Amino acid sequence: MVISPIDTATPSISTDTVRYIAYLIRLKILDEETKVFSQQFSQIIEYFQLLNEIDTREVPPANENCPMNNVFRDDQVLPSMSREEFLNNLPQHEGYYVKVPLIFDDR
């Protein structure tokens, strides 16, 4: 199989490009699927070409509509319940360990 980079000059996505993308992501696809994906990817690219034709010179960038403020704060140690109080509120515990229902079963 010949592997070549994606040709960005053409607006359509060839089946070779689909195979190349599948190779990059280690995805095995059938020849019929490459044709379908080629058509679907080409439609997506055509849609973006259509979006590129829209005049957005008067539209402000989206990041200007939302002022950015630092939302981080210093960590603070706050009082909490004691370990014993926590364990007493549990349905089941063994020593200082929380007992939970079995999630994975190797049987």
PDB file of N, CA and C in Angstrom:
ATOM      1  N   MET A   1       0.842  -1.170   0.000  1.00  0.00           N
ATOM      2  CA  MET A   1       0.000   0.000   0.000  1.00  0.00           C
ATOM      3  C   MET A   1       0.893   1.240   0.000  1.00  0.00           C
ATOM      4  N   VAL A   2       0.608   2.183  -0.888  1.00  0.00           N
ATOM      5  CA  VAL A   2       1.360   3.428  -0.955  1.00  0.00           C
ATOM      6  C   VAL A   2       0.718   4.413   0.003  1.00  0.00           C
ATOM      7  N   ILE A   3       1.518   4.957   0.905  1.00  0.00           N
ATOM      8  CA  ILE A   3       1.018   5.909   1.892  1.00  0.00           C
ATOM      9  C   ILE A   3       1.507   7.292   1.487  1.00  0.00           C
ATOM     10  N   SER A   4       0.564   8.217   1.326  1.00  0.00           N
ATOM     11  CA  SER A   4       0.940   9.577   0.956  1.00  0.00           C
ATOM     12  C   SER A   4       0.217  10.561   1.851  1.00  0.00           C
ATOM     13  N   PRO A   5       0.791  11.733   2.058  1.00  0.00           N
ATOM     14  CA  PRO A   5       0.131  12.730   2.898  1.00  0.00           C
ATOM     15  C   PRO A   5      -1.134  13.257   2.237  1.00  0.00           C
ATOM     16  N   ILE A   6      -1.966  13.894   3.037  1.00  0.00           N
ATOM     17  CA  ILE A   6      -3.233  14.437   2.553  1.00  0.00           C
ATOM     18  C   ILE A   6      -2.959  15.634   1.654  1.00  0.00           C
ATOM     19  N   ASP A   7      -3.625  15.675   0.503  1.00  0.00           N
ATOM     20  CA  ASP A   7      -3.496  16.795  -0.423  1.00  0.00           C
ATOM     21  C   ASP A   7      -4.513  17.853  -0.019  1.00  0.00           C
ATOM     22  N   THR A   8      -4.047  18.974   0.527  1.00  0.00           N
ATOM     23  CA  THR A   8      -4.959  20.017   1.006  1.00  0.00           C
ATOM     24  C   THR A   8      -5.404  20.952  -0.102  1.00  0.00           C
ATOM     25  N   ALA A   9      -4.827  20.841  -1.301  1.00  0.00           N
ATOM     26  CA  ALA A   9      -5.194  21.730  -2.399  1.00  0.00           C
ATOM     27  C   ALA A   9      -6.539  21.357  -3.007  1.00  0.00           C
ATOM     28  N   THR A  10      -6.922  20.102  -2.937  1.00  0.00           N
ATOM     29  CA  THR A  10      -8.188  19.676  -3.527  1.00  0.00           C
ATOM     30  C   THR A  10      -9.268  19.631  -2.461  1.00  0.00           C
ATOM     31  N   PRO A  11     -10.476  20.109  -2.801  1.00  0.00           N
ATOM     32  CA  PRO A  11     -11.546  20.126  -1.808  1.00  0.00           C
ATOM     33  C   PRO A  11     -12.176  18.764  -1.559  1.00  0.00           C
ATOM     34  N   SER A  12     -11.909  17.771  -2.424  1.00  0.00           N
ATOM     35  CA  SER A  12     -12.503  16.456  -2.207  1.00  0.00           C
ATOM     36  C   SER A  12     -11.485  15.528  -1.551  1.00  0.00           C
ATOM     37  N   ILE A  13     -11.995  14.532  -0.870  1.00  0.00           N
ATOM     38  CA  ILE A  13     -11.148  13.567  -0.172  1.00  0.00           C
ATOM     39  C   ILE A  13     -11.184  12.266  -0.969  1.00  0.00           C
ATOM     40  N   SER A  14     -10.044  11.855  -1.471  1.00  0.00           N
ATOM     41  CA  SER A  14      -9.968  10.641  -2.285  1.00  0.00           C
ATOM     42  C   SER A  14      -9.995   9.396  -1.407  1.00  0.00           C
ATOM     43  N   THR A  15     -10.227   8.264  -2.039  1.00  0.00           N
ATOM     44  CA  THR A  15     -10.200   7.002  -1.302  1.00  0.00           C
ATOM     45  C   THR A  15      -8.790   6.715  -0.788  1.00  0.00           C
ATOM     46  N   ASP A  16      -7.769   7.171  -1.527  1.00  0.00           N
ATOM     47  CA  ASP A  16      -6.388   7.012  -1.047  1.00  0.00           C
ATOM     48  C   ASP A  16      -6.167   7.795   0.243  1.00  0.00           C
ATOM     49  N   THR A  17      -6.749   8.986   0.314  1.00  0.00           N
ATOM     50  CA  THR A  17      -6.632   9.792   1.529  1.00  0.00           C
ATOM     51  C   THR A  17      -7.347   9.114   2.687  1.00  0.00           C
ATOM     52  N   VAL A  18      -8.510   8.534   2.411  1.00  0.00           N
ATOM     53  CA  VAL A  18      -9.251   7.807   3.452  1.00  0.00           C
ATOM     54  C   VAL A  18      -8.416   6.637   3.954  1.00  0.00           C
ATOM     55  N   ARG A  19      -7.796   5.908   3.035  1.00  0.00           N
ATOM     56  CA  ARG A  19      -6.930   4.793   3.445  1.00  0.00           C
ATOM     57  C   ARG A  19      -5.753   5.292   4.281  1.00  0.00           C
ATOM     58  N   TYR A  20      -5.200   6.437   3.908  1.00  0.00           N
ATOM     59  CA  TYR A  20      -4.079   7.016   4.651  1.00  0.00           C
ATOM     60  C   TYR A  20      -4.511   7.389   6.073  1.00  0.00           C
ATOM     61  N   ILE A  21      -5.673   8.016   6.192  1.00  0.00           N
ATOM     62  CA  ILE A  21      -6.193   8.375   7.521  1.00  0.00           C
ATOM     63  C   ILE A  21      -6.441   7.111   8.339  1.00  0.00           C
ATOM     64  N   ALA A  22      -7.034   6.106   7.712  1.00  0.00           N
ATOM     65  CA  ALA A  22      -7.280   4.837   8.407  1.00  0.00           C
ATOM     66  C   ALA A  22      -5.966   4.214   8.861  1.00  0.00           C
ATOM     67  N   TYR A  23      -4.949   4.300   8.020  1.00  0.00           N
ATOM     68  CA  TYR A  23      -3.624   3.775   8.381  1.00  0.00           C
ATOM     69  C   TYR A  23      -3.069   4.522   9.597  1.00  0.00           C
ATOM     70  N   LEU A  24      -3.197   5.849   9.595  1.00  0.00           N
ATOM     71  CA  LEU A  24      -2.664   6.650  10.700  1.00  0.00           C
ATOM     72  C   LEU A  24      -3.322   6.311  12.029  1.00  0.00           C
ATOM     73  N   ILE A  25      -4.612   6.031  11.998  1.00  0.00           N
ATOM     74  CA  ILE A  25      -5.323   5.738  13.252  1.00  0.00           C
ATOM     75  C   ILE A  25      -5.469   4.241  13.490  1.00  0.00           C
ATOM     76  N   ARG A  26      -4.756   3.467  12.670  1.00  0.00           N
ATOM     77  CA  ARG A  26      -4.726   2.001  12.822  1.00  0.00           C
ATOM     78  C   ARG A  26      -6.125   1.403  12.775  1.00  0.00           C
ATOM     79  N   LEU A  27      -6.899   1.850  11.788  1.00  0.00           N
ATOM     80  CA  LEU A  27      -8.268   1.382  11.609  1.00  0.00           C
ATOM     81  C   LEU A  27      -8.347   0.574  10.319  1.00  0.00           C
ATOM     82  N   LYS A  28      -8.834  -0.639  10.422  1.00  0.00           N
ATOM     83  CA  LYS A  28      -8.994  -1.476   9.226  1.00  0.00           C
ATOM     84  C   LYS A  28     -10.386  -1.237   8.661  1.00  0.00           C
ATOM     85  N   ILE A  29     -10.430  -0.803   7.402  1.00  0.00           N
ATOM     86  CA  ILE A  29     -11.717  -0.561   6.756  1.00  0.00           C
ATOM     87  C   ILE A  29     -11.747  -1.286   5.417  1.00  0.00           C
ATOM     88  N   LEU A  30     -12.950  -1.624   4.999  1.00  0.00           N
ATOM     89  CA  LEU A  30     -13.158  -2.320   3.730  1.00  0.00           C
ATOM     90  C   LEU A  30     -13.130  -1.323   2.574  1.00  0.00           C
ATOM     91  N   ASP A  31     -12.934  -1.824   1.353  1.00  0.00           N
ATOM     92  CA  ASP A  31     -12.923  -0.956   0.175  1.00  0.00           C
ATOM     93  C   ASP A  31     -14.246  -0.215   0.010  1.00  0.00           C
ATOM     94  N   GLU A  32     -15.361  -0.897   0.301  1.00  0.00           N
ATOM     95  CA  GLU A  32     -16.670  -0.238   0.202  1.00  0.00           C
ATOM     96  C   GLU A  32     -16.757   0.927   1.189  1.00  0.00           C
ATOM     97  N   GLU A  33     -16.183   0.726   2.373  1.00  0.00           N
ATOM     98  CA  GLU A  33     -16.218   1.774   3.393  1.00  0.00           C
ATOM     99  C   GLU A  33     -15.368   2.971   2.985  1.00  0.00           C
ATOM    100  N   THR A  34     -14.253   2.724   2.294  1.00  0.00           N
ATOM    101  CA  THR A  34     -13.418   3.856   1.863  1.00  0.00           C
ATOM    102  C   THR A  34     -14.182   4.744   0.896  1.00  0.00           C
ATOM    103  N   LYS A  35     -14.995   4.131   0.035  1.00  0.00           N
ATOM    104  CA  LYS A  35     -15.790   4.922  -0.909  1.00  0.00           C
ATOM    105  C   LYS A  35     -16.825   5.765  -0.169  1.00  0.00           C
ATOM    106  N   VAL A  36     -17.496   5.154   0.802  1.00  0.00           N
ATOM    107  CA  VAL A  36     -18.514   5.871   1.579  1.00  0.00           C
ATOM    108  C   VAL A  36     -17.869   7.006   2.370  1.00  0.00           C
ATOM    109  N   PHE A  37     -16.760   6.705   3.057  1.00  0.00           N
ATOM    110  CA  PHE A  37     -16.076   7.739   3.836  1.00  0.00           C
ATOM    111  C   PHE A  37     -15.552   8.849   2.940  1.00  0.00           C
ATOM    112  N   SER A  38     -15.076   8.502   1.759  1.00  0.00           N
ATOM    113  CA  SER A  38     -14.585   9.502   0.817  1.00  0.00           C
ATOM    114  C   SER A  38     -15.696  10.481   0.461  1.00  0.00           C
ATOM    115  N   GLN A  39     -16.878   9.959   0.167  1.00  0.00           N
ATOM    116  CA  GLN A  39     -18.020  10.816  -0.158  1.00  0.00           C
ATOM    117  C   GLN A  39     -18.423  11.673   1.041  1.00  0.00           C
ATOM    118  N   GLN A  40     -18.482  11.061   2.215  1.00  0.00           N
ATOM    119  CA  GLN A  40     -18.902  11.798   3.409  1.00  0.00           C
ATOM    120  C   GLN A  40     -17.895  12.885   3.772  1.00  0.00           C
ATOM    121  N   PHE A  41     -16.609  12.551   3.736  1.00  0.00           N
ATOM    122  CA  PHE A  41     -15.585  13.550   4.044  1.00  0.00           C
ATOM    123  C   PHE A  41     -15.609  14.682   3.021  1.00  0.00           C
ATOM    124  N   SER A  42     -15.823  14.346   1.762  1.00  0.00           N
ATOM    125  CA  SER A  42     -15.884  15.370   0.716  1.00  0.00           C
ATOM    126  C   SER A  42     -17.056  16.311   0.957  1.00  0.00           C
ATOM    127  N   GLN A  43     -18.194  15.773   1.384  1.00  0.00           N
ATOM    128  CA  GLN A  43     -19.356  16.613   1.698  1.00  0.00           C
ATOM    129  C   GLN A  43     -19.048  17.552   2.859  1.00  0.00           C
ATOM    130  N   ILE A  44     -18.337  17.053   3.853  1.00  0.00           N
ATOM    131  CA  ILE A  44     -17.964  17.891   5.000  1.00  0.00           C
ATOM    132  C   ILE A  44     -17.042  19.017   4.549  1.00  0.00           C
ATOM    133  N   ILE A  45     -16.050  18.686   3.719  1.00  0.00           N
ATOM    134  CA  ILE A  45     -15.122  19.698   3.213  1.00  0.00           C
ATOM    135  C   ILE A  45     -15.865  20.730   2.370  1.00  0.00           C
ATOM    136  N   GLU A  46     -16.800  20.281   1.537  1.00  0.00           N
ATOM    137  CA  GLU A  46     -17.597  21.206   0.729  1.00  0.00           C
ATOM    138  C   GLU A  46     -18.390  22.146   1.623  1.00  0.00           C
ATOM    139  N   TYR A  47     -18.911  21.640   2.721  1.00  0.00           N
ATOM    140  CA  TYR A  47     -19.664  22.481   3.652  1.00  0.00           C
ATOM    141  C   TYR A  47     -18.754  23.551   4.247  1.00  0.00           C
ATOM    142  N   PHE A  48     -17.533  23.173   4.619  1.00  0.00           N
ATOM    143  CA  PHE A  48     -16.597  24.162   5.148  1.00  0.00           C
ATOM    144  C   PHE A  48     -16.211  25.173   4.077  1.00  0.00           C
ATOM    145  N   GLN A  49     -16.122  24.735   2.822  1.00  0.00           N
ATOM    146  CA  GLN A  49     -15.852  25.671   1.727  1.00  0.00           C
ATOM    147  C   GLN A  49     -16.982  26.693   1.658  1.00  0.00           C
ATOM    148  N   LEU A  50     -18.211  26.227   1.821  1.00  0.00           N
ATOM    149  CA  LEU A  50     -19.369  27.115   1.813  1.00  0.00           C
ATOM    150  C   LEU A  50     -19.286  28.107   2.971  1.00  0.00           C
ATOM    151  N   LEU A  51     -18.901  27.633   4.145  1.00  0.00           N
ATOM    152  CA  LEU A  51     -18.762  28.520   5.302  1.00  0.00           C
ATOM    153  C   LEU A  51     -17.675  29.565   5.080  1.00  0.00           C
ATOM    154  N   ASN A  52     -16.628  29.208   4.349  1.00  0.00           N
ATOM    155  CA  ASN A  52     -15.553  30.153   4.059  1.00  0.00           C
ATOM    156  C   ASN A  52     -16.016  31.306   3.185  1.00  0.00           C
ATOM    157  N   GLU A  53     -17.107  31.129   2.451  1.00  0.00           N
ATOM    158  CA  GLU A  53     -17.617  32.173   1.575  1.00  0.00           C
ATOM    159  C   GLU A  53     -18.430  33.221   2.329  1.00  0.00           C
ATOM    160  N   ILE A  54     -18.781  32.966   3.567  1.00  0.00           N
ATOM    161  CA  ILE A  54     -19.583  33.904   4.353  1.00  0.00           C
ATOM    162  C   ILE A  54     -18.720  35.085   4.766  1.00  0.00           C
ATOM    163  N   ASP A  55     -19.267  36.296   4.575  1.00  0.00           N
ATOM    164  CA  ASP A  55     -18.549  37.515   4.951  1.00  0.00           C
ATOM    165  C   ASP A  55     -18.699  37.735   6.458  1.00  0.00           C
ATOM    166  N   THR A  56     -17.605  37.599   7.182  1.00  0.00           N
ATOM    167  CA  THR A  56     -17.634  37.744   8.643  1.00  0.00           C
ATOM    168  C   THR A  56     -16.816  38.947   9.115  1.00  0.00           C
ATOM    169  N   ARG A  57     -16.550  39.886   8.205  1.00  0.00           N
ATOM    170  CA  ARG A  57     -15.720  41.034   8.589  1.00  0.00           C
ATOM    171  C   ARG A  57     -16.352  41.874   9.695  1.00  0.00           C
ATOM    172  N   GLU A  58     -17.668  41.936   9.736  1.00  0.00           N
ATOM    173  CA  GLU A  58     -18.361  42.747  10.742  1.00  0.00           C
ATOM    174  C   GLU A  58     -18.681  41.974  12.022  1.00  0.00           C
ATOM    175  N   VAL A  59     -18.359  40.709  12.055  1.00  0.00           N
ATOM    176  CA  VAL A  59     -18.664  39.866  13.214  1.00  0.00           C
ATOM    177  C   VAL A  59     -17.468  39.874  14.159  1.00  0.00           C
ATOM    178  N   PRO A  60     -17.681  40.288  15.417  1.00  0.00           N
ATOM    179  CA  PRO A  60     -16.549  40.297  16.359  1.00  0.00           C
ATOM    180  C   PRO A  60     -16.127  38.873  16.713  1.00  0.00           C
ATOM    181  N   PRO A  61     -14.865  38.679  17.026  1.00  0.00           N
ATOM    182  CA  PRO A  61     -14.410  37.344  17.446  1.00  0.00           C
ATOM    183  C   PRO A  61     -15.189  36.872  18.670  1.00  0.00           C
ATOM    184  N   ALA A  62     -15.429  35.604  18.744  1.00  0.00           N
ATOM    185  CA  ALA A  62     -16.236  35.040  19.829  1.00  0.00           C
ATOM    186  C   ALA A  62     -15.586  35.229  21.191  1.00  0.00           C
ATOM    187  N   ASN A  63     -14.264  35.281  21.247  1.00  0.00           N
ATOM    188  CA  ASN A  63     -13.610  35.414  22.546  1.00  0.00           C
ATOM    189  C   ASN A  63     -13.776  36.802  23.143  1.00  0.00           C
ATOM    190  N   GLU A  64     -14.234  37.785  22.373  1.00  0.00           N
ATOM    191  CA  GLU A  64     -14.456  39.124  22.913  1.00  0.00           C
ATOM    192  C   GLU A  64     -15.784  39.225  23.651  1.00  0.00           C
ATOM    193  N   ASN A  65     -16.673  38.283  23.443  1.00  0.00           N
ATOM    194  CA  ASN A  65     -17.978  38.303  24.098  1.00  0.00           C
ATOM    195  C   ASN A  65     -17.927  37.776  25.523  1.00  0.00           C
ATOM    196  N   CYS A  66     -16.833  37.185  25.889  1.00  0.00           N
ATOM    197  CA  CYS A  66     -16.716  36.536  27.189  1.00  0.00           C
ATOM    198  C   CYS A  66     -15.403  36.970  27.837  1.00  0.00           C
ATOM    199  N   PRO A  67     -15.448  37.954  28.728  1.00  0.00           N
ATOM    200  CA  PRO A  67     -14.183  38.369  29.351  1.00  0.00           C
ATOM    201  C   PRO A  67     -13.602  37.245  30.199  1.00  0.00           C
ATOM    202  N   MET A  68     -12.317  37.080  30.090  1.00  0.00           N
ATOM    203  CA  MET A  68     -11.648  36.006  30.818  1.00  0.00           C
ATOM    204  C   MET A  68     -11.112  36.529  32.152  1.00  0.00           C
ATOM    205  N   ASN A  69     -11.513  35.898  33.210  1.00  0.00           N
ATOM    206  CA  ASN A  69     -11.003  36.210  34.536  1.00  0.00           C
ATOM    207  C   ASN A  69     -10.401  34.951  35.123  1.00  0.00           C
ATOM    208  N   ASN A  70      -9.417  35.131  35.960  1.00  0.00           N
ATOM    209  CA  ASN A  70      -8.798  33.985  36.607  1.00  0.00           C
ATOM    210  C   ASN A  70      -9.800  33.387  37.588  1.00  0.00           C
ATOM    211  N   VAL A  71     -10.148  32.132  37.382  1.00  0.00           N
ATOM    212  CA  VAL A  71     -11.133  31.476  38.238  1.00  0.00           C
ATOM    213  C   VAL A  71     -10.475  30.601  39.297  1.00  0.00           C
ATOM    214  N   PHE A  72      -9.152  30.599  39.323  1.00  0.00           N
ATOM    215  CA  PHE A  72      -8.446  29.770  40.288  1.00  0.00           C
ATOM    216  C   PHE A  72      -8.336  30.483  41.628  1.00  0.00           C
ATOM    217  N   ARG A  73      -8.268  29.734  42.677  1.00  0.00           N
ATOM    218  CA  ARG A  73      -8.072  30.278  44.015  1.00  0.00           C
ATOM    219  C   ARG A  73      -7.052  29.413  44.731  1.00  0.00           C
ATOM    220  N   ASP A  74      -6.510  29.935  45.786  1.00  0.00           N
ATOM    221  CA  ASP A  74      -5.566  29.159  46.581  1.00  0.00           C
ATOM    222  C   ASP A  74      -6.305  28.032  47.293  1.00  0.00           C
ATOM    223  N   ASP A  75      -5.648  26.897  47.403  1.00  0.00           N
ATOM    224  CA  ASP A  75      -6.216  25.783  48.151  1.00  0.00           C
ATOM    225  C   ASP A  75      -6.253  26.140  49.629  1.00  0.00           C
ATOM    226  N   GLN A  76      -7.348  25.794  50.272  1.00  0.00           N
ATOM    227  CA  GLN A  76      -7.487  26.047  51.699  1.00  0.00           C
ATOM    228  C   GLN A  76      -7.937  24.759  52.380  1.00  0.00           C
ATOM    229  N   VAL A  77      -7.318  24.455  53.495  1.00  0.00           N
ATOM    230  CA  VAL A  77      -7.736  23.309  54.289  1.00  0.00           C
ATOM    231  C   VAL A  77      -8.875  23.781  55.176  1.00  0.00           C
ATOM    232  N   LEU A  78     -10.032  23.150  55.026  1.00  0.00           N
ATOM    233  CA  LEU A  78     -11.202  23.527  55.809  1.00  0.00           C
ATOM    234  C   LEU A  78     -11.568  22.379  56.735  1.00  0.00           C
ATOM    235  N   PRO A  79     -12.205  22.684  57.849  1.00  0.00           N
ATOM    236  CA  PRO A  79     -12.592  21.614  58.770  1.00  0.00           C
ATOM    237  C   PRO A  79     -13.581  20.657  58.101  1.00  0.00           C
ATOM    238  N   SER A  80     -13.464  19.399  58.470  1.00  0.00           N
ATOM    239  CA  SER A  80     -14.311  18.364  57.898  1.00  0.00           C
ATOM    240  C   SER A  80     -14.695  17.399  59.006  1.00  0.00           C
ATOM    241  N   MET A  81     -15.497  16.407  58.676  1.00  0.00           N
ATOM    242  CA  MET A  81     -15.860  15.415  59.686  1.00  0.00           C
ATOM    243  C   MET A  81     -14.665  14.511  59.973  1.00  0.00           C
ATOM    244  N   SER A  82     -14.679  13.900  61.108  1.00  0.00           N
ATOM    245  CA  SER A  82     -13.586  13.006  61.481  1.00  0.00           C
ATOM    246  C   SER A  82     -13.676  11.711  60.678  1.00  0.00           C
ATOM    247  N   ARG A  83     -12.589  10.957  60.653  1.00  0.00           N
ATOM    248  CA  ARG A  83     -12.555   9.681  59.941  1.00  0.00           C
ATOM    249  C   ARG A  83     -13.622   8.741  60.500  1.00  0.00           C
ATOM    250  N   GLU A  84     -13.745   8.690  61.818  1.00  0.00           N
ATOM    251  CA  GLU A  84     -14.724   7.804  62.442  1.00  0.00           C
ATOM    252  C   GLU A  84     -16.146   8.196  62.051  1.00  0.00           C
ATOM    253  N   GLU A  85     -16.417   9.493  62.024  1.00  0.00           N
ATOM    254  CA  GLU A  85     -17.735   9.973  61.634  1.00  0.00           C
ATOM    255  C   GLU A  85     -18.047   9.568  60.184  1.00  0.00           C
ATOM    256  N   PHE A  86     -17.048   9.722  59.325  1.00  0.00           N
ATOM    257  CA  PHE A  86     -17.201   9.338  57.920  1.00  0.00           C
ATOM    258  C   PHE A  86     -17.502   7.846  57.805  1.00  0.00           C
ATOM    259  N   LEU A  87     -16.697   7.025  58.478  1.00  0.00           N
ATOM    260  CA  LEU A  87     -16.877   5.576  58.403  1.00  0.00           C
ATOM    261  C   LEU A  87     -18.218   5.138  58.974  1.00  0.00           C
ATOM    262  N   ASN A  88     -18.686   5.811  60.003  1.00  0.00           N
ATOM    263  CA  ASN A  88     -19.980   5.466  60.599  1.00  0.00           C
ATOM    264  C   ASN A  88     -21.150   5.782  59.665  1.00  0.00           C
ATOM    265  N   ASN A  89     -20.947   6.671  58.701  1.00  0.00           N
ATOM    266  CA  ASN A  89     -22.003   7.019  57.744  1.00  0.00           C
ATOM    267  C   ASN A  89     -22.046   6.078  56.541  1.00  0.00           C
ATOM    268  N   LEU A  90     -21.104   5.149  56.460  1.00  0.00           N
ATOM    269  CA  LEU A  90     -21.046   4.232  55.324  1.00  0.00           C
ATOM    270  C   LEU A  90     -21.932   3.017  55.558  1.00  0.00           C
ATOM    271  N   PRO A  91     -22.506   2.464  54.479  1.00  0.00           N
ATOM    272  CA  PRO A  91     -23.263   1.228  54.646  1.00  0.00           C
ATOM    273  C   PRO A  91     -22.363   0.070  55.058  1.00  0.00           C
ATOM    274  N   GLN A  92     -21.117   0.030  54.515  1.00  0.00           N
ATOM    275  CA  GLN A  92     -20.176  -1.035  54.863  1.00  0.00           C
ATOM    276  C   GLN A  92     -18.755  -0.489  54.837  1.00  0.00           C
ATOM    277  N   HIS A  93     -17.970  -0.927  55.819  1.00  0.00           N
ATOM    278  CA  HIS A  93     -16.540  -0.612  55.799  1.00  0.00           C
ATOM    279  C   HIS A  93     -15.814  -1.703  56.554  1.00  0.00           C
ATOM    280  N   GLU A  94     -14.531  -1.830  56.249  1.00  0.00           N
ATOM    281  CA  GLU A  94     -13.695  -2.816  56.916  1.00  0.00           C
ATOM    282  C   GLU A  94     -12.436  -2.086  57.355  1.00  0.00           C
ATOM    283  N   GLY A  95     -12.301  -1.884  58.646  1.00  0.00           N
ATOM    284  CA  GLY A  95     -11.199  -1.059  59.136  1.00  0.00           C
ATOM    285  C   GLY A  95     -11.378   0.355  58.605  1.00  0.00           C
ATOM    286  N   TYR A  96     -10.322   0.890  57.990  1.00  0.00           N
ATOM    287  CA  TYR A  96     -10.414   2.231  57.405  1.00  0.00           C
ATOM    288  C   TYR A  96     -10.741   2.193  55.916  1.00  0.00           C
ATOM    289  N   TYR A  97     -11.139   1.027  55.387  1.00  0.00           N
ATOM    290  CA  TYR A  97     -11.428   0.879  53.965  1.00  0.00           C
ATOM    291  C   TYR A  97     -12.931   0.894  53.718  1.00  0.00           C
ATOM    292  N   VAL A  98     -13.335   1.541  52.638  1.00  0.00           N
ATOM    293  CA  VAL A  98     -14.732   1.581  52.220  1.00  0.00           C
ATOM    294  C   VAL A  98     -15.015   0.323  51.413  1.00  0.00           C
ATOM    295  N   LYS A  99     -16.086  -0.392  51.743  1.00  0.00           N
ATOM    296  CA  LYS A  99     -16.477  -1.586  50.986  1.00  0.00           C
ATOM    297  C   LYS A  99     -17.574  -1.186  50.007  1.00  0.00           C
ATOM    298  N   VAL A 100     -17.352  -1.551  48.750  1.00  0.00           N
ATOM    299  CA  VAL A 100     -18.325  -1.239  47.701  1.00  0.00           C
ATOM    300  C   VAL A 100     -18.714  -2.533  46.999  1.00  0.00           C
ATOM    301  N   PRO A 101     -19.860  -2.537  46.302  1.00  0.00           N
ATOM    302  CA  PRO A 101     -20.250  -3.740  45.564  1.00  0.00           C
ATOM    303  C   PRO A 101     -19.221  -4.066  44.481  1.00  0.00           C
ATOM    304  N   LEU A 102     -19.131  -5.338  44.138  1.00  0.00           N
ATOM    305  CA  LEU A 102     -18.224  -5.810  43.101  1.00  0.00           C
ATOM    306  C   LEU A 102     -18.585  -5.161  41.768  1.00  0.00           C
ATOM    307  N   ILE A 103     -17.587  -4.603  41.102  1.00  0.00           N
ATOM    308  CA  ILE A 103     -17.818  -3.935  39.820  1.00  0.00           C
ATOM    309  C   ILE A 103     -17.382  -4.826  38.666  1.00  0.00           C
ATOM    310  N   PHE A 104     -16.186  -5.386  38.756  1.00  0.00           N
ATOM    311  CA  PHE A 104     -15.656  -6.271  37.716  1.00  0.00           C
ATOM    312  C   PHE A 104     -15.614  -7.689  38.259  1.00  0.00           C
ATOM    313  N   ASP A 105     -15.987  -8.624  37.421  1.00  0.00           N
ATOM    314  CA  ASP A 105     -15.971 -10.020  37.823  1.00  0.00           C
ATOM    315  C   ASP A 105     -15.223 -10.807  36.761  1.00  0.00           C
ATOM    316  N   ASP A 106     -14.196 -11.556  37.153  1.00  0.00           N
ATOM    317  CA  ASP A 106     -13.363 -12.290  36.206  1.00  0.00           C
ATOM    318  C   ASP A 106     -13.896 -13.689  35.909  1.00  0.00           C
ATOM    319  N   ARG A 107     -15.058 -14.022  36.390  1.00  0.00           N
ATOM    320  CA  ARG A 107     -15.583 -15.371  36.180  1.00  0.00           C
ATOM    321  C   ARG A 107     -15.932 -15.631  34.757  1.00  0.00           C
TER     322      ARG A 107
END
